[in-house]
Amino acid sequence: MKSIVLKFLSVFFIAALFSNCTPKTQEVIVPVVEEEKIVRPKTPDNPCTTLSDLNGYERENTETAYVLYKDLVKTKEFEKALPLWKKAYYTAPAANGSIKYQFEDGIAIYKHLYNETSDVNLKSAYVDTIIAIYDKRIECYGERAYIAGRKAFDYYYYFQNQISEDSIYALFKSAIDVKGEKVDYFVVNPFTKILSDKVLNQSITVEEGGFYAQKMIDAIAYGNKSGKNQEAWSIINDYAPSRLENLEGVKGLFSCQYYDKKYMQVFNENPEDCEIINTAYRRLSWGNCDKESASFDLLRMAKKENCYTPPPPPGPLKLAYEAYTEGNYIEAVDMFAKFVDETQEEDKKFKYNLLIAKIYYGDIKNFPKSRQYALKAAENNPSSGEPYLLIGKLYASSGPLCGPGRGWDSQIVTWPAIDMFEKAKSDPMVASEAQKLIRTYWQYMPKKEDIFQRTIKAGSNFKVGCWINRTTVVRTAD
């Protein structure tokens, strides 16, 4: 029996902990339990009993329980595995002093029991047991920060009704505060979602939001360079960077260093592109960078050589453009809106409502406000396709806002986007661009298999939620 157990304990186990989860906000990137031999110092008062601490008869029975329960877990016979797991775990929770899969298996068993019952009290008890197993693992093997991330992950995806979002946020933070840029990959997407929401609903300070946003940026950069868990980082790259970039619309959240590093790199690659030059100048201004810095010197020189436009005549529009050029987006929007309210010329109302919509889209990152002003522009000039082109881009850009960046929730935003592009095609001035965008985004729509699984028919009406909140027509990419 001992030889069987020793052979069994030498196998590399990857826990299948999360196969039944349906993500609500992002594609779930499950923690993978990697093989890691840990030498546990043996001291007389250590609470984590090992098999070697047991007498011959008790050790034999416990080893047998380990083998038998594991076979049942492999075949997902969790109810049958439970009493044997209890025997093994509660008698020798540290097993041979190196392996940790017994903790993962216990968590998997109790997650199964949690999913199988509708009894609220039982659900709560099962979650308490799962957390106790995590705590015991810390007691035996340390890794407090890693386990904090695991607890937060489980609460976020599986047990949200058992704990407040503030508590989940605090757990994630405790992991990030210790591990920094080396924080475990499965923390990044859910924490980014919570962080972004808290920043936008102003339940945390701008300073705190900026601090942890930069932590996530650093973690993503480190993770991509590490070469490990590449599939997981691919999923992260489809979601977290876009969510973090949308926070650029919050004044003061990111530092000057963030804007300088990001936008001067783009400028250096395209030093004569006027749009890039002006964008970099505005972003550095928005980030409160020193106007006497070397970066601004380069941008001013590039603007002078590549971006000259005759200044508008003195008046409110001149002041509005100056505010916008200097990265004072909110002030510029207010000035342009005031001009629109005061002018009686529909063409000017159209032009500046559309400009306001573009500022909200590209600079302030407020998509609902952008749509609001684009629709006003459409009222000013019903024959123009430009407002609908912009709204289509807003919808098409909302994959990471309304879903994980890939998969169903992110794919269905293409339906209302294509509705808008189709509407824009009626304007010959933008028809070519609209058709190009339709071809681009058509391939990202759900496939026939995706809608079949959800008992949805092609051609039927479907309401896309999130901030879009519009009824559209179901289409498939194939």
Protein backbone atom coordinates (compact mmCIF):
# COMPACT_ATOMS: atom_id res chain seq x y z
CA MET A 1 0.00 0.00 0.00
CA LYS A 2 2.79 2.45 0.89
CA SER A 3 4.44 2.05 -2.50
CA ILE A 4 1.11 2.73 -4.22
CA VAL A 5 0.60 5.87 -2.16
CA LEU A 6 4.12 7.15 -2.77
CA LYS A 7 3.72 6.64 -6.50
CA PHE A 8 0.32 8.29 -6.35
CA LEU A 9 1.60 11.30 -4.41
CA SER A 10 4.35 11.91 -6.97
CA VAL A 11 1.90 12.63 -9.79
CA PHE A 12 1.39 16.21 -10.96
CA PHE A 13 -2.16 17.35 -10.30
CA ILE A 14 -3.98 20.30 -11.89
CA ALA A 15 -7.23 20.96 -10.08
CA ALA A 16 -10.35 21.30 -12.23
CA LEU A 17 -11.93 23.73 -9.79
CA PHE A 18 -13.96 26.05 -11.91
CA SER A 19 -15.51 24.17 -14.81
CA ASN A 20 -19.11 25.02 -13.93
CA CYS A 21 -18.76 28.79 -13.63
CA THR A 22 -20.61 31.17 -15.91
CA PRO A 23 -18.76 34.51 -15.87
CA LYS A 24 -20.83 37.65 -15.47
CA THR A 25 -18.27 40.22 -16.56
CA GLN A 26 -15.16 38.57 -17.93
CA GLU A 27 -14.06 35.28 -19.37
CA VAL A 28 -12.95 33.30 -16.33
CA ILE A 29 -9.20 32.70 -16.23
CA VAL A 30 -8.97 29.84 -13.78
CA PRO A 31 -6.11 29.50 -11.32
CA VAL A 32 -3.96 26.52 -12.30
CA VAL A 33 -2.44 24.53 -9.47
CA GLU A 34 1.15 24.02 -10.50
CA GLU A 35 3.46 21.32 -9.21
CA GLU A 36 5.63 22.72 -6.47
CA LYS A 37 7.49 20.67 -3.90
CA ILE A 38 7.53 22.45 -0.57
CA VAL A 39 9.63 21.33 2.35
CA ARG A 40 7.54 21.92 5.43
CA PRO A 41 9.70 22.46 8.53
CA LYS A 42 8.72 19.85 11.09
CA THR A 43 8.30 21.24 14.56
CA PRO A 44 6.60 19.59 17.54
CA ASP A 45 3.79 22.17 17.75
CA ASN A 46 3.09 22.46 14.02
CA PRO A 47 -0.69 22.03 13.60
CA CYS A 48 -0.37 20.45 10.15
CA THR A 49 -0.08 16.76 10.70
CA THR A 50 1.64 14.66 8.04
CA LEU A 51 1.34 10.95 7.30
CA SER A 52 4.72 10.37 8.92
CA ASP A 53 3.34 11.77 12.18
CA LEU A 54 0.79 8.93 12.42
CA ASN A 55 1.19 5.49 13.93
CA GLY A 56 1.27 2.48 11.63
CA TYR A 57 -2.41 1.51 11.67
CA GLU A 58 -3.75 5.07 11.44
CA ARG A 59 -1.27 5.94 8.73
CA GLU A 60 -2.30 2.92 6.67
CA ASN A 61 -5.99 3.87 6.88
CA THR A 62 -5.29 7.50 6.05
CA GLU A 63 -3.12 6.61 3.06
CA THR A 64 -5.91 4.37 1.81
CA ALA A 65 -8.42 7.22 2.23
CA TYR A 66 -6.17 9.51 0.19
CA VAL A 67 -5.98 7.03 -2.67
CA LEU A 68 -9.67 6.12 -2.68
CA TYR A 69 -11.07 9.64 -2.42
CA LYS A 70 -8.77 10.88 -5.20
CA ASP A 71 -10.05 8.24 -7.59
CA LEU A 72 -13.62 9.34 -6.87
CA VAL A 73 -12.77 13.03 -7.38
CA LYS A 74 -11.26 12.19 -10.76
CA THR A 75 -14.59 10.69 -11.84
CA LYS A 76 -16.48 13.60 -10.23
CA GLU A 77 -18.23 11.35 -7.69
CA PHE A 78 -17.98 14.10 -5.13
CA GLU A 79 -20.60 12.89 -2.66
CA LYS A 80 -18.90 9.49 -2.39
CA ALA A 81 -15.50 11.15 -2.15
CA LEU A 82 -16.48 13.46 0.72
CA PRO A 83 -16.28 11.05 3.71
CA LEU A 84 -12.99 9.63 2.45
CA TRP A 85 -11.60 13.11 1.84
CA LYS A 86 -12.62 14.10 5.36
CA LYS A 87 -10.80 11.07 6.78
CA ALA A 88 -7.65 11.89 4.82
CA TYR A 89 -7.72 15.65 5.27
CA TYR A 90 -8.68 15.95 8.91
CA THR A 91 -6.28 13.20 9.97
CA ALA A 92 -3.24 14.38 7.99
CA PRO A 93 -4.00 17.71 6.30
CA ALA A 94 -0.40 18.14 5.11
CA ALA A 95 -0.30 14.62 3.57
CA ASN A 96 3.38 13.87 2.92
CA GLY A 97 4.46 17.42 3.77
CA SER A 98 4.94 18.48 0.13
CA ILE A 99 1.71 18.12 -1.82
CA LYS A 100 -1.23 20.53 -1.67
CA TYR A 101 -3.83 18.94 -3.93
CA GLN A 102 -5.89 17.78 -0.91
CA PHE A 103 -6.86 21.42 -0.30
CA GLU A 104 -7.85 21.88 -3.96
CA ASP A 105 -9.88 18.67 -3.91
CA GLY A 106 -11.73 19.70 -0.77
CA ILE A 107 -12.59 23.04 -2.32
CA ALA A 108 -13.81 21.30 -5.50
CA ILE A 109 -16.02 18.94 -3.44
CA TYR A 110 -17.63 21.76 -1.47
CA LYS A 111 -18.13 23.87 -4.59
CA HIS A 112 -20.00 20.97 -6.09
CA LEU A 113 -22.17 20.67 -2.98
CA TYR A 114 -22.76 24.44 -3.06
CA ASN A 115 -23.96 24.26 -6.67
CA GLU A 116 -26.21 21.27 -5.99
CA THR A 117 -28.24 22.77 -3.14
CA SER A 118 -30.78 25.57 -3.02
CA ASP A 119 -30.68 25.74 0.79
CA VAL A 120 -29.33 29.19 1.68
CA ASN A 121 -27.99 28.05 5.04
CA LEU A 122 -26.23 25.08 3.53
CA LYS A 123 -24.69 27.29 0.83
CA SER A 124 -23.35 29.62 3.50
CA ALA A 125 -21.94 26.69 5.48
CA TYR A 126 -20.22 25.27 2.40
CA VAL A 127 -18.58 28.63 1.64
CA ASP A 128 -17.40 28.86 5.27
CA THR A 129 -15.83 25.41 4.89
CA ILE A 130 -14.09 26.42 1.65
CA ILE A 131 -12.63 29.50 3.32
CA ALA A 132 -11.53 27.36 6.28
CA ILE A 133 -9.71 25.03 3.86
CA TYR A 134 -7.93 28.01 2.34
CA ASP A 135 -6.97 29.21 5.82
CA LYS A 136 -5.63 25.78 6.72
CA ARG A 137 -3.51 25.80 3.61
CA ILE A 138 -2.01 29.11 4.71
CA GLU A 139 -1.36 27.59 8.12
CA CYS A 140 0.44 24.64 6.54
CA TYR A 141 2.21 26.22 3.59
CA GLY A 142 2.04 30.01 3.80
CA GLU A 143 1.40 31.87 0.51
CA ARG A 144 -1.02 34.24 2.21
CA ALA A 145 -1.12 36.71 -0.70
CA TYR A 146 -1.74 33.99 -3.27
CA ILE A 147 -4.57 32.56 -1.17
CA ALA A 148 -6.07 36.03 -0.69
CA GLY A 149 -6.27 36.27 -4.48
CA ARG A 150 -7.85 32.81 -4.68
CA LYS A 151 -10.45 33.68 -2.05
CA ALA A 152 -11.31 36.93 -3.83
CA PHE A 153 -11.55 35.11 -7.16
CA ASP A 154 -13.96 32.53 -5.73
CA TYR A 155 -16.11 35.13 -4.04
CA TYR A 156 -16.23 37.21 -7.20
CA TYR A 157 -17.18 34.47 -9.64
CA TYR A 158 -19.03 31.98 -7.44
CA PHE A 159 -20.10 33.39 -4.10
CA GLN A 160 -20.91 37.08 -4.67
CA ASN A 161 -24.02 36.89 -2.51
CA GLN A 162 -21.94 35.67 0.44
CA ILE A 163 -19.79 38.77 0.84
CA SER A 164 -19.84 42.45 -0.11
CA GLU A 165 -18.03 43.76 -3.17
CA ASP A 166 -16.00 46.01 -0.87
CA SER A 167 -14.72 42.92 0.95
CA ILE A 168 -13.84 41.22 -2.35
CA TYR A 169 -12.03 44.39 -3.44
CA ALA A 170 -10.10 44.45 -0.15
CA LEU A 171 -9.06 40.81 -0.58
CA PHE A 172 -7.79 41.47 -4.10
CA LYS A 173 -5.90 44.53 -2.84
CA SER A 174 -4.22 42.54 -0.08
CA ALA A 175 -2.85 40.16 -2.73
CA ILE A 176 -1.73 42.99 -5.01
CA ASP A 177 -0.10 44.96 -2.18
CA VAL A 178 2.20 42.03 -1.45
CA LYS A 179 2.87 40.65 -4.93
CA GLY A 180 2.92 43.89 -6.93
CA GLU A 181 3.62 43.38 -10.62
CA LYS A 182 3.99 39.64 -9.95
CA VAL A 183 0.40 39.31 -8.83
CA ASP A 184 -1.25 36.11 -10.05
CA TYR A 185 -2.81 36.40 -13.51
CA PHE A 186 -6.29 35.31 -12.38
CA VAL A 187 -6.52 38.45 -10.23
CA VAL A 188 -6.12 40.95 -13.07
CA ASN A 189 -9.45 40.86 -14.94
CA PRO A 190 -11.89 40.72 -12.01
CA PHE A 191 -9.94 43.30 -10.02
CA THR A 192 -9.75 45.61 -13.04
CA LYS A 193 -13.54 45.37 -13.41
CA ILE A 194 -14.19 46.20 -9.75
CA LEU A 195 -11.56 48.95 -9.75
CA SER A 196 -12.96 50.57 -12.90
CA ASP A 197 -16.50 50.52 -11.51
CA LYS A 198 -15.38 52.02 -8.21
CA VAL A 199 -13.48 54.80 -9.94
CA LEU A 200 -16.41 55.67 -12.20
CA ASN A 201 -19.01 55.61 -9.43
CA GLN A 202 -16.61 57.59 -7.22
CA SER A 203 -16.68 55.11 -4.33
CA ILE A 204 -12.88 55.33 -4.07
CA THR A 205 -10.61 58.35 -4.45
CA VAL A 206 -8.98 59.24 -7.74
CA GLU A 207 -5.61 58.76 -6.02
CA GLU A 208 -6.43 55.20 -4.97
CA GLY A 209 -7.85 54.42 -8.39
CA GLY A 210 -4.71 55.69 -10.11
CA PHE A 211 -2.43 53.78 -7.74
CA TYR A 212 -4.06 50.41 -8.40
CA ALA A 213 -4.65 51.09 -12.11
CA GLN A 214 -0.89 51.53 -12.48
CA LYS A 215 -0.38 48.31 -10.49
CA MET A 216 -2.51 46.49 -13.04
CA ILE A 217 -0.66 48.06 -15.97
CA ASP A 218 2.64 46.95 -14.45
CA ALA A 219 1.28 43.43 -13.79
CA ILE A 220 0.09 43.08 -17.40
CA ALA A 221 3.46 44.20 -18.74
CA TYR A 222 5.29 41.79 -16.43
CA GLY A 223 2.98 38.90 -17.19
CA ASN A 224 3.28 39.30 -20.95
CA LYS A 225 7.07 39.38 -20.70
CA SER A 226 7.22 36.34 -18.44
CA GLY A 227 6.28 33.89 -21.21
CA LYS A 228 4.14 31.91 -18.75
CA ASN A 229 0.39 31.25 -18.93
CA GLN A 230 0.26 32.76 -22.41
CA GLU A 231 -3.34 31.76 -23.09
CA ALA A 232 -4.46 33.44 -19.87
CA TRP A 233 -2.55 36.61 -20.68
CA SER A 234 -4.09 36.60 -24.16
CA ILE A 235 -7.54 36.71 -22.55
CA ILE A 236 -6.39 39.43 -20.17
CA ASN A 237 -5.02 41.49 -23.06
CA ASP A 238 -8.46 41.45 -24.69
CA TYR A 239 -10.05 42.96 -21.60
CA ALA A 240 -8.05 44.72 -18.90
CA PRO A 241 -5.97 47.18 -20.99
CA SER A 242 -9.11 48.59 -22.63
CA ARG A 243 -10.89 48.95 -19.30
CA LEU A 244 -7.86 50.72 -17.85
CA GLU A 245 -7.47 52.98 -20.88
CA ASN A 246 -11.09 54.09 -20.49
CA LEU A 247 -10.09 55.52 -17.11
CA GLU A 248 -7.99 58.11 -18.93
CA GLY A 249 -11.17 60.15 -19.04
CA VAL A 250 -10.91 60.66 -15.26
CA LYS A 251 -8.83 63.77 -14.68
CA GLY A 252 -5.84 63.20 -12.42
CA LEU A 253 -6.14 59.41 -12.29
CA PHE A 254 -2.99 58.69 -14.29
CA SER A 255 0.30 60.47 -13.77
CA CYS A 256 2.19 62.59 -16.29
CA GLN A 257 4.69 59.71 -16.55
CA TYR A 258 1.90 57.42 -17.76
CA TYR A 259 0.81 59.81 -20.54
CA ASP A 260 4.37 60.73 -21.52
CA LYS A 261 5.48 57.10 -21.82
CA LYS A 262 2.38 55.99 -23.73
CA TYR A 263 1.78 58.85 -26.15
CA MET A 264 5.34 59.95 -26.81
CA GLN A 265 6.12 56.40 -27.93
CA VAL A 266 3.29 56.64 -30.47
CA PHE A 267 4.51 60.10 -31.52
CA ASN A 268 8.10 58.93 -31.96
CA GLU A 269 6.85 56.20 -34.30
CA ASN A 270 4.77 58.74 -36.31
CA PRO A 271 6.49 62.13 -35.84
CA GLU A 272 4.78 63.80 -38.81
CA ASP A 273 1.22 62.56 -38.28
CA CYS A 274 -0.77 65.62 -37.30
CA GLU A 275 -3.57 63.72 -35.58
CA ILE A 276 -1.05 61.81 -33.44
CA ILE A 277 0.89 64.98 -32.67
CA ASN A 278 -2.22 66.82 -31.51
CA THR A 279 -3.47 63.83 -29.52
CA ALA A 280 -0.13 63.48 -27.72
CA TYR A 281 -0.08 67.21 -26.96
CA ARG A 282 -3.61 67.10 -25.52
CA ARG A 283 -2.99 63.94 -23.49
CA LEU A 284 0.18 65.29 -21.89
CA SER A 285 -1.68 68.50 -21.10
CA TRP A 286 -4.57 66.49 -19.60
CA GLY A 287 -1.98 64.64 -17.50
CA ASN A 288 -0.64 67.94 -16.09
CA CYS A 289 2.80 67.46 -17.60
CA ASP A 290 5.27 70.35 -17.39
CA LYS A 291 4.84 72.54 -20.46
CA GLU A 292 8.56 73.28 -20.35
CA SER A 293 9.51 69.61 -20.63
CA ALA A 294 11.49 68.14 -23.51
CA SER A 295 8.40 66.22 -24.66
CA PHE A 296 6.37 69.39 -25.07
CA ASP A 297 9.27 71.05 -26.91
CA LEU A 298 9.23 68.20 -29.43
CA LEU A 299 5.46 68.32 -29.81
CA ARG A 300 5.34 72.09 -30.28
CA MET A 301 7.99 71.87 -32.97
CA ALA A 302 6.12 69.04 -34.70
CA LYS A 303 2.83 70.97 -34.52
CA LYS A 304 4.48 74.00 -36.08
CA GLU A 305 5.96 71.97 -38.94
CA ASN A 306 3.05 69.62 -39.65
CA CYS A 307 -0.20 70.89 -38.16
CA TYR A 308 -0.67 74.54 -38.98
CA THR A 309 -4.29 75.62 -39.30
CA PRO A 310 -5.51 79.21 -39.44
CA PRO A 311 -6.73 80.23 -35.97
CA PRO A 312 -10.46 80.92 -35.63
CA PRO A 313 -11.52 84.54 -35.24
CA PRO A 314 -11.70 85.95 -31.71
CA GLY A 315 -14.77 84.80 -29.80
CA PRO A 316 -16.21 81.85 -27.90
CA LEU A 317 -15.15 79.27 -30.50
CA LYS A 318 -11.53 80.44 -30.35
CA LEU A 319 -11.55 80.01 -26.58
CA ALA A 320 -13.18 76.58 -26.89
CA TYR A 321 -10.58 75.39 -29.37
CA GLU A 322 -7.76 76.72 -27.20
CA ALA A 323 -9.16 74.84 -24.21
CA TYR A 324 -9.40 71.66 -26.24
CA THR A 325 -5.88 72.02 -27.65
CA GLU A 326 -4.53 72.43 -24.13
CA GLY A 327 -6.25 69.24 -22.98
CA ASN A 328 -8.95 71.02 -20.96
CA TYR A 329 -11.64 68.70 -22.28
CA ILE A 330 -14.45 69.44 -19.84
CA GLU A 331 -14.02 73.18 -20.22
CA ALA A 332 -13.90 72.83 -24.02
CA VAL A 333 -17.08 70.73 -24.12
CA ASP A 334 -18.92 73.28 -21.99
CA MET A 335 -17.80 76.11 -24.30
CA PHE A 336 -18.76 74.27 -27.49
CA ALA A 337 -22.14 73.32 -25.99
CA LYS A 338 -22.78 76.93 -25.02
CA PHE A 339 -22.00 78.03 -28.57
CA VAL A 340 -24.41 75.41 -29.96
CA ASP A 341 -27.17 76.63 -27.66
CA GLU A 342 -26.68 80.23 -28.76
CA THR A 343 -26.25 79.83 -32.51
CA GLN A 344 -29.24 79.61 -34.84
CA GLU A 345 -27.32 78.02 -37.72
CA GLU A 346 -28.12 74.32 -38.08
CA ASP A 347 -24.87 73.52 -39.90
CA LYS A 348 -22.87 74.93 -37.01
CA LYS A 349 -25.04 73.11 -34.47
CA PHE A 350 -24.33 69.92 -36.41
CA LYS A 351 -20.59 70.53 -36.62
CA TYR A 352 -20.06 71.28 -32.95
CA ASN A 353 -22.47 68.72 -31.55
CA LEU A 354 -20.54 66.15 -33.57
CA LEU A 355 -17.24 67.55 -32.28
CA ILE A 356 -18.51 67.31 -28.68
CA ALA A 357 -19.52 63.70 -29.37
CA LYS A 358 -16.01 62.95 -30.64
CA ILE A 359 -14.41 64.54 -27.58
CA TYR A 360 -16.57 62.44 -25.28
CA TYR A 361 -15.64 59.34 -27.28
CA GLY A 362 -11.93 59.78 -27.85
CA ASP A 363 -10.82 61.99 -24.98
CA ILE A 364 -13.21 61.82 -22.03
CA LYS A 365 -14.18 58.18 -22.71
CA ASN A 366 -17.82 58.74 -21.82
CA PHE A 367 -19.70 56.64 -24.36
CA PRO A 368 -23.30 57.46 -23.30
CA LYS A 369 -22.55 61.20 -23.50
CA SER A 370 -20.89 60.73 -26.87
CA ARG A 371 -24.00 59.01 -28.24
CA GLN A 372 -26.21 61.74 -26.79
CA TYR A 373 -24.41 64.47 -28.73
CA ALA A 374 -24.06 62.35 -31.87
CA LEU A 375 -27.84 61.94 -31.89
CA LYS A 376 -28.21 65.71 -31.49
CA ALA A 377 -25.95 66.17 -34.52
CA ALA A 378 -28.12 63.71 -36.46
CA GLU A 379 -31.16 65.87 -35.68
CA ASN A 380 -29.29 68.92 -36.94
CA ASN A 381 -28.42 67.19 -40.22
CA PRO A 382 -30.58 64.10 -40.87
CA SER A 383 -28.89 63.39 -44.20
CA SER A 384 -25.42 63.01 -42.72
CA GLY A 385 -24.10 59.54 -41.93
CA GLU A 386 -21.27 60.80 -39.73
CA PRO A 387 -23.20 60.68 -36.44
CA TYR A 388 -24.27 57.08 -37.07
CA LEU A 389 -20.73 56.15 -38.07
CA LEU A 390 -19.53 57.46 -34.70
CA ILE A 391 -22.28 55.68 -32.76
CA GLY A 392 -21.40 52.46 -34.57
CA LYS A 393 -17.79 52.87 -33.47
CA LEU A 394 -18.95 53.46 -29.91
CA TYR A 395 -20.88 50.19 -29.93
CA ALA A 396 -18.10 48.25 -31.66
CA SER A 397 -15.61 49.52 -29.07
CA SER A 398 -17.74 48.32 -26.17
CA GLY A 399 -16.66 44.67 -26.14
CA PRO A 400 -14.45 45.09 -23.05
CA LEU A 401 -17.04 47.37 -21.40
CA CYS A 402 -19.96 44.99 -21.86
CA GLY A 403 -18.13 41.66 -21.74
CA PRO A 404 -14.72 40.03 -21.49
CA GLY A 405 -13.33 41.35 -24.77
CA ARG A 406 -14.14 38.01 -26.44
CA GLY A 407 -17.06 35.60 -26.30
CA TRP A 408 -20.82 36.15 -26.42
CA ASP A 409 -21.27 39.35 -24.39
CA SER A 410 -18.52 41.07 -26.33
CA GLN A 411 -19.58 39.72 -29.71
CA ILE A 412 -23.20 40.86 -29.59
CA VAL A 413 -22.18 44.54 -29.48
CA THR A 414 -21.37 44.12 -33.18
CA TRP A 415 -25.09 43.79 -33.98
CA PRO A 416 -26.12 47.34 -33.00
CA ALA A 417 -22.80 48.60 -34.35
CA ILE A 418 -23.57 47.18 -37.79
CA ASP A 419 -27.10 48.65 -37.55
CA MET A 420 -25.49 52.08 -37.25
CA PHE A 421 -22.98 51.45 -40.04
CA GLU A 422 -25.84 50.35 -42.31
CA LYS A 423 -27.66 53.56 -41.49
CA ALA A 424 -24.53 55.61 -42.23
CA LYS A 425 -24.25 54.03 -45.70
CA SER A 426 -27.15 56.16 -46.92
CA ASP A 427 -24.72 59.09 -46.93
CA PRO A 428 -22.43 58.86 -49.99
CA MET A 429 -19.77 60.86 -48.12
CA VAL A 430 -19.18 58.06 -45.59
CA ALA A 431 -20.68 55.03 -47.39
CA SER A 432 -17.28 53.58 -48.28
CA GLU A 433 -15.98 53.79 -44.70
CA ALA A 434 -19.25 52.39 -43.35
CA GLN A 435 -19.07 49.38 -45.68
CA LYS A 436 -15.45 48.77 -44.68
CA LEU A 437 -16.43 48.78 -41.01
CA ILE A 438 -19.29 46.37 -41.69
CA ARG A 439 -16.86 43.94 -43.34
CA THR A 440 -14.44 44.35 -40.45
CA TYR A 441 -16.92 43.68 -37.66
CA TRP A 442 -19.05 41.07 -39.44
CA GLN A 443 -16.43 38.42 -38.72
CA TYR A 444 -16.65 39.12 -34.97
CA MET A 445 -20.36 38.39 -34.69
CA PRO A 446 -21.52 35.19 -32.96
CA LYS A 447 -21.71 32.06 -35.08
CA LYS A 448 -24.73 29.85 -35.79
CA GLU A 449 -23.61 27.44 -33.09
CA ASP A 450 -23.52 30.27 -30.53
CA ILE A 451 -27.08 31.40 -31.14
CA PHE A 452 -28.33 27.80 -31.42
CA GLN A 453 -26.98 27.03 -27.95
CA ARG A 454 -29.01 29.95 -26.61
CA THR A 455 -32.16 29.01 -28.58
CA ILE A 456 -32.00 32.27 -30.52
CA LYS A 457 -32.92 32.48 -34.21
CA ALA A 458 -31.13 34.50 -36.86
CA GLY A 459 -33.27 37.42 -37.96
CA SER A 460 -35.07 37.68 -34.61
CA ASN A 461 -35.02 40.77 -32.43
CA PHE A 462 -32.59 40.86 -29.53
CA LYS A 463 -31.97 43.53 -26.91
CA VAL A 464 -28.32 44.25 -26.19
CA GLY A 465 -27.96 45.49 -22.64
CA CYS A 466 -25.05 47.21 -20.94
CA TRP A 467 -24.88 50.95 -21.64
CA ILE A 468 -25.97 50.32 -25.26
CA ASN A 469 -29.49 49.18 -24.26
CA ARG A 470 -30.79 48.88 -27.81
CA THR A 471 -32.90 46.32 -29.68
CA THR A 472 -31.18 44.89 -32.74
CA VAL A 473 -31.40 42.01 -35.22
CA VAL A 474 -29.62 38.70 -34.65
CA ARG A 475 -27.02 37.85 -37.30
CA THR A 476 -24.24 35.30 -37.54
CA ALA A 477 -20.73 35.50 -38.90
CA ASP A 478 -21.11 32.23 -40.81
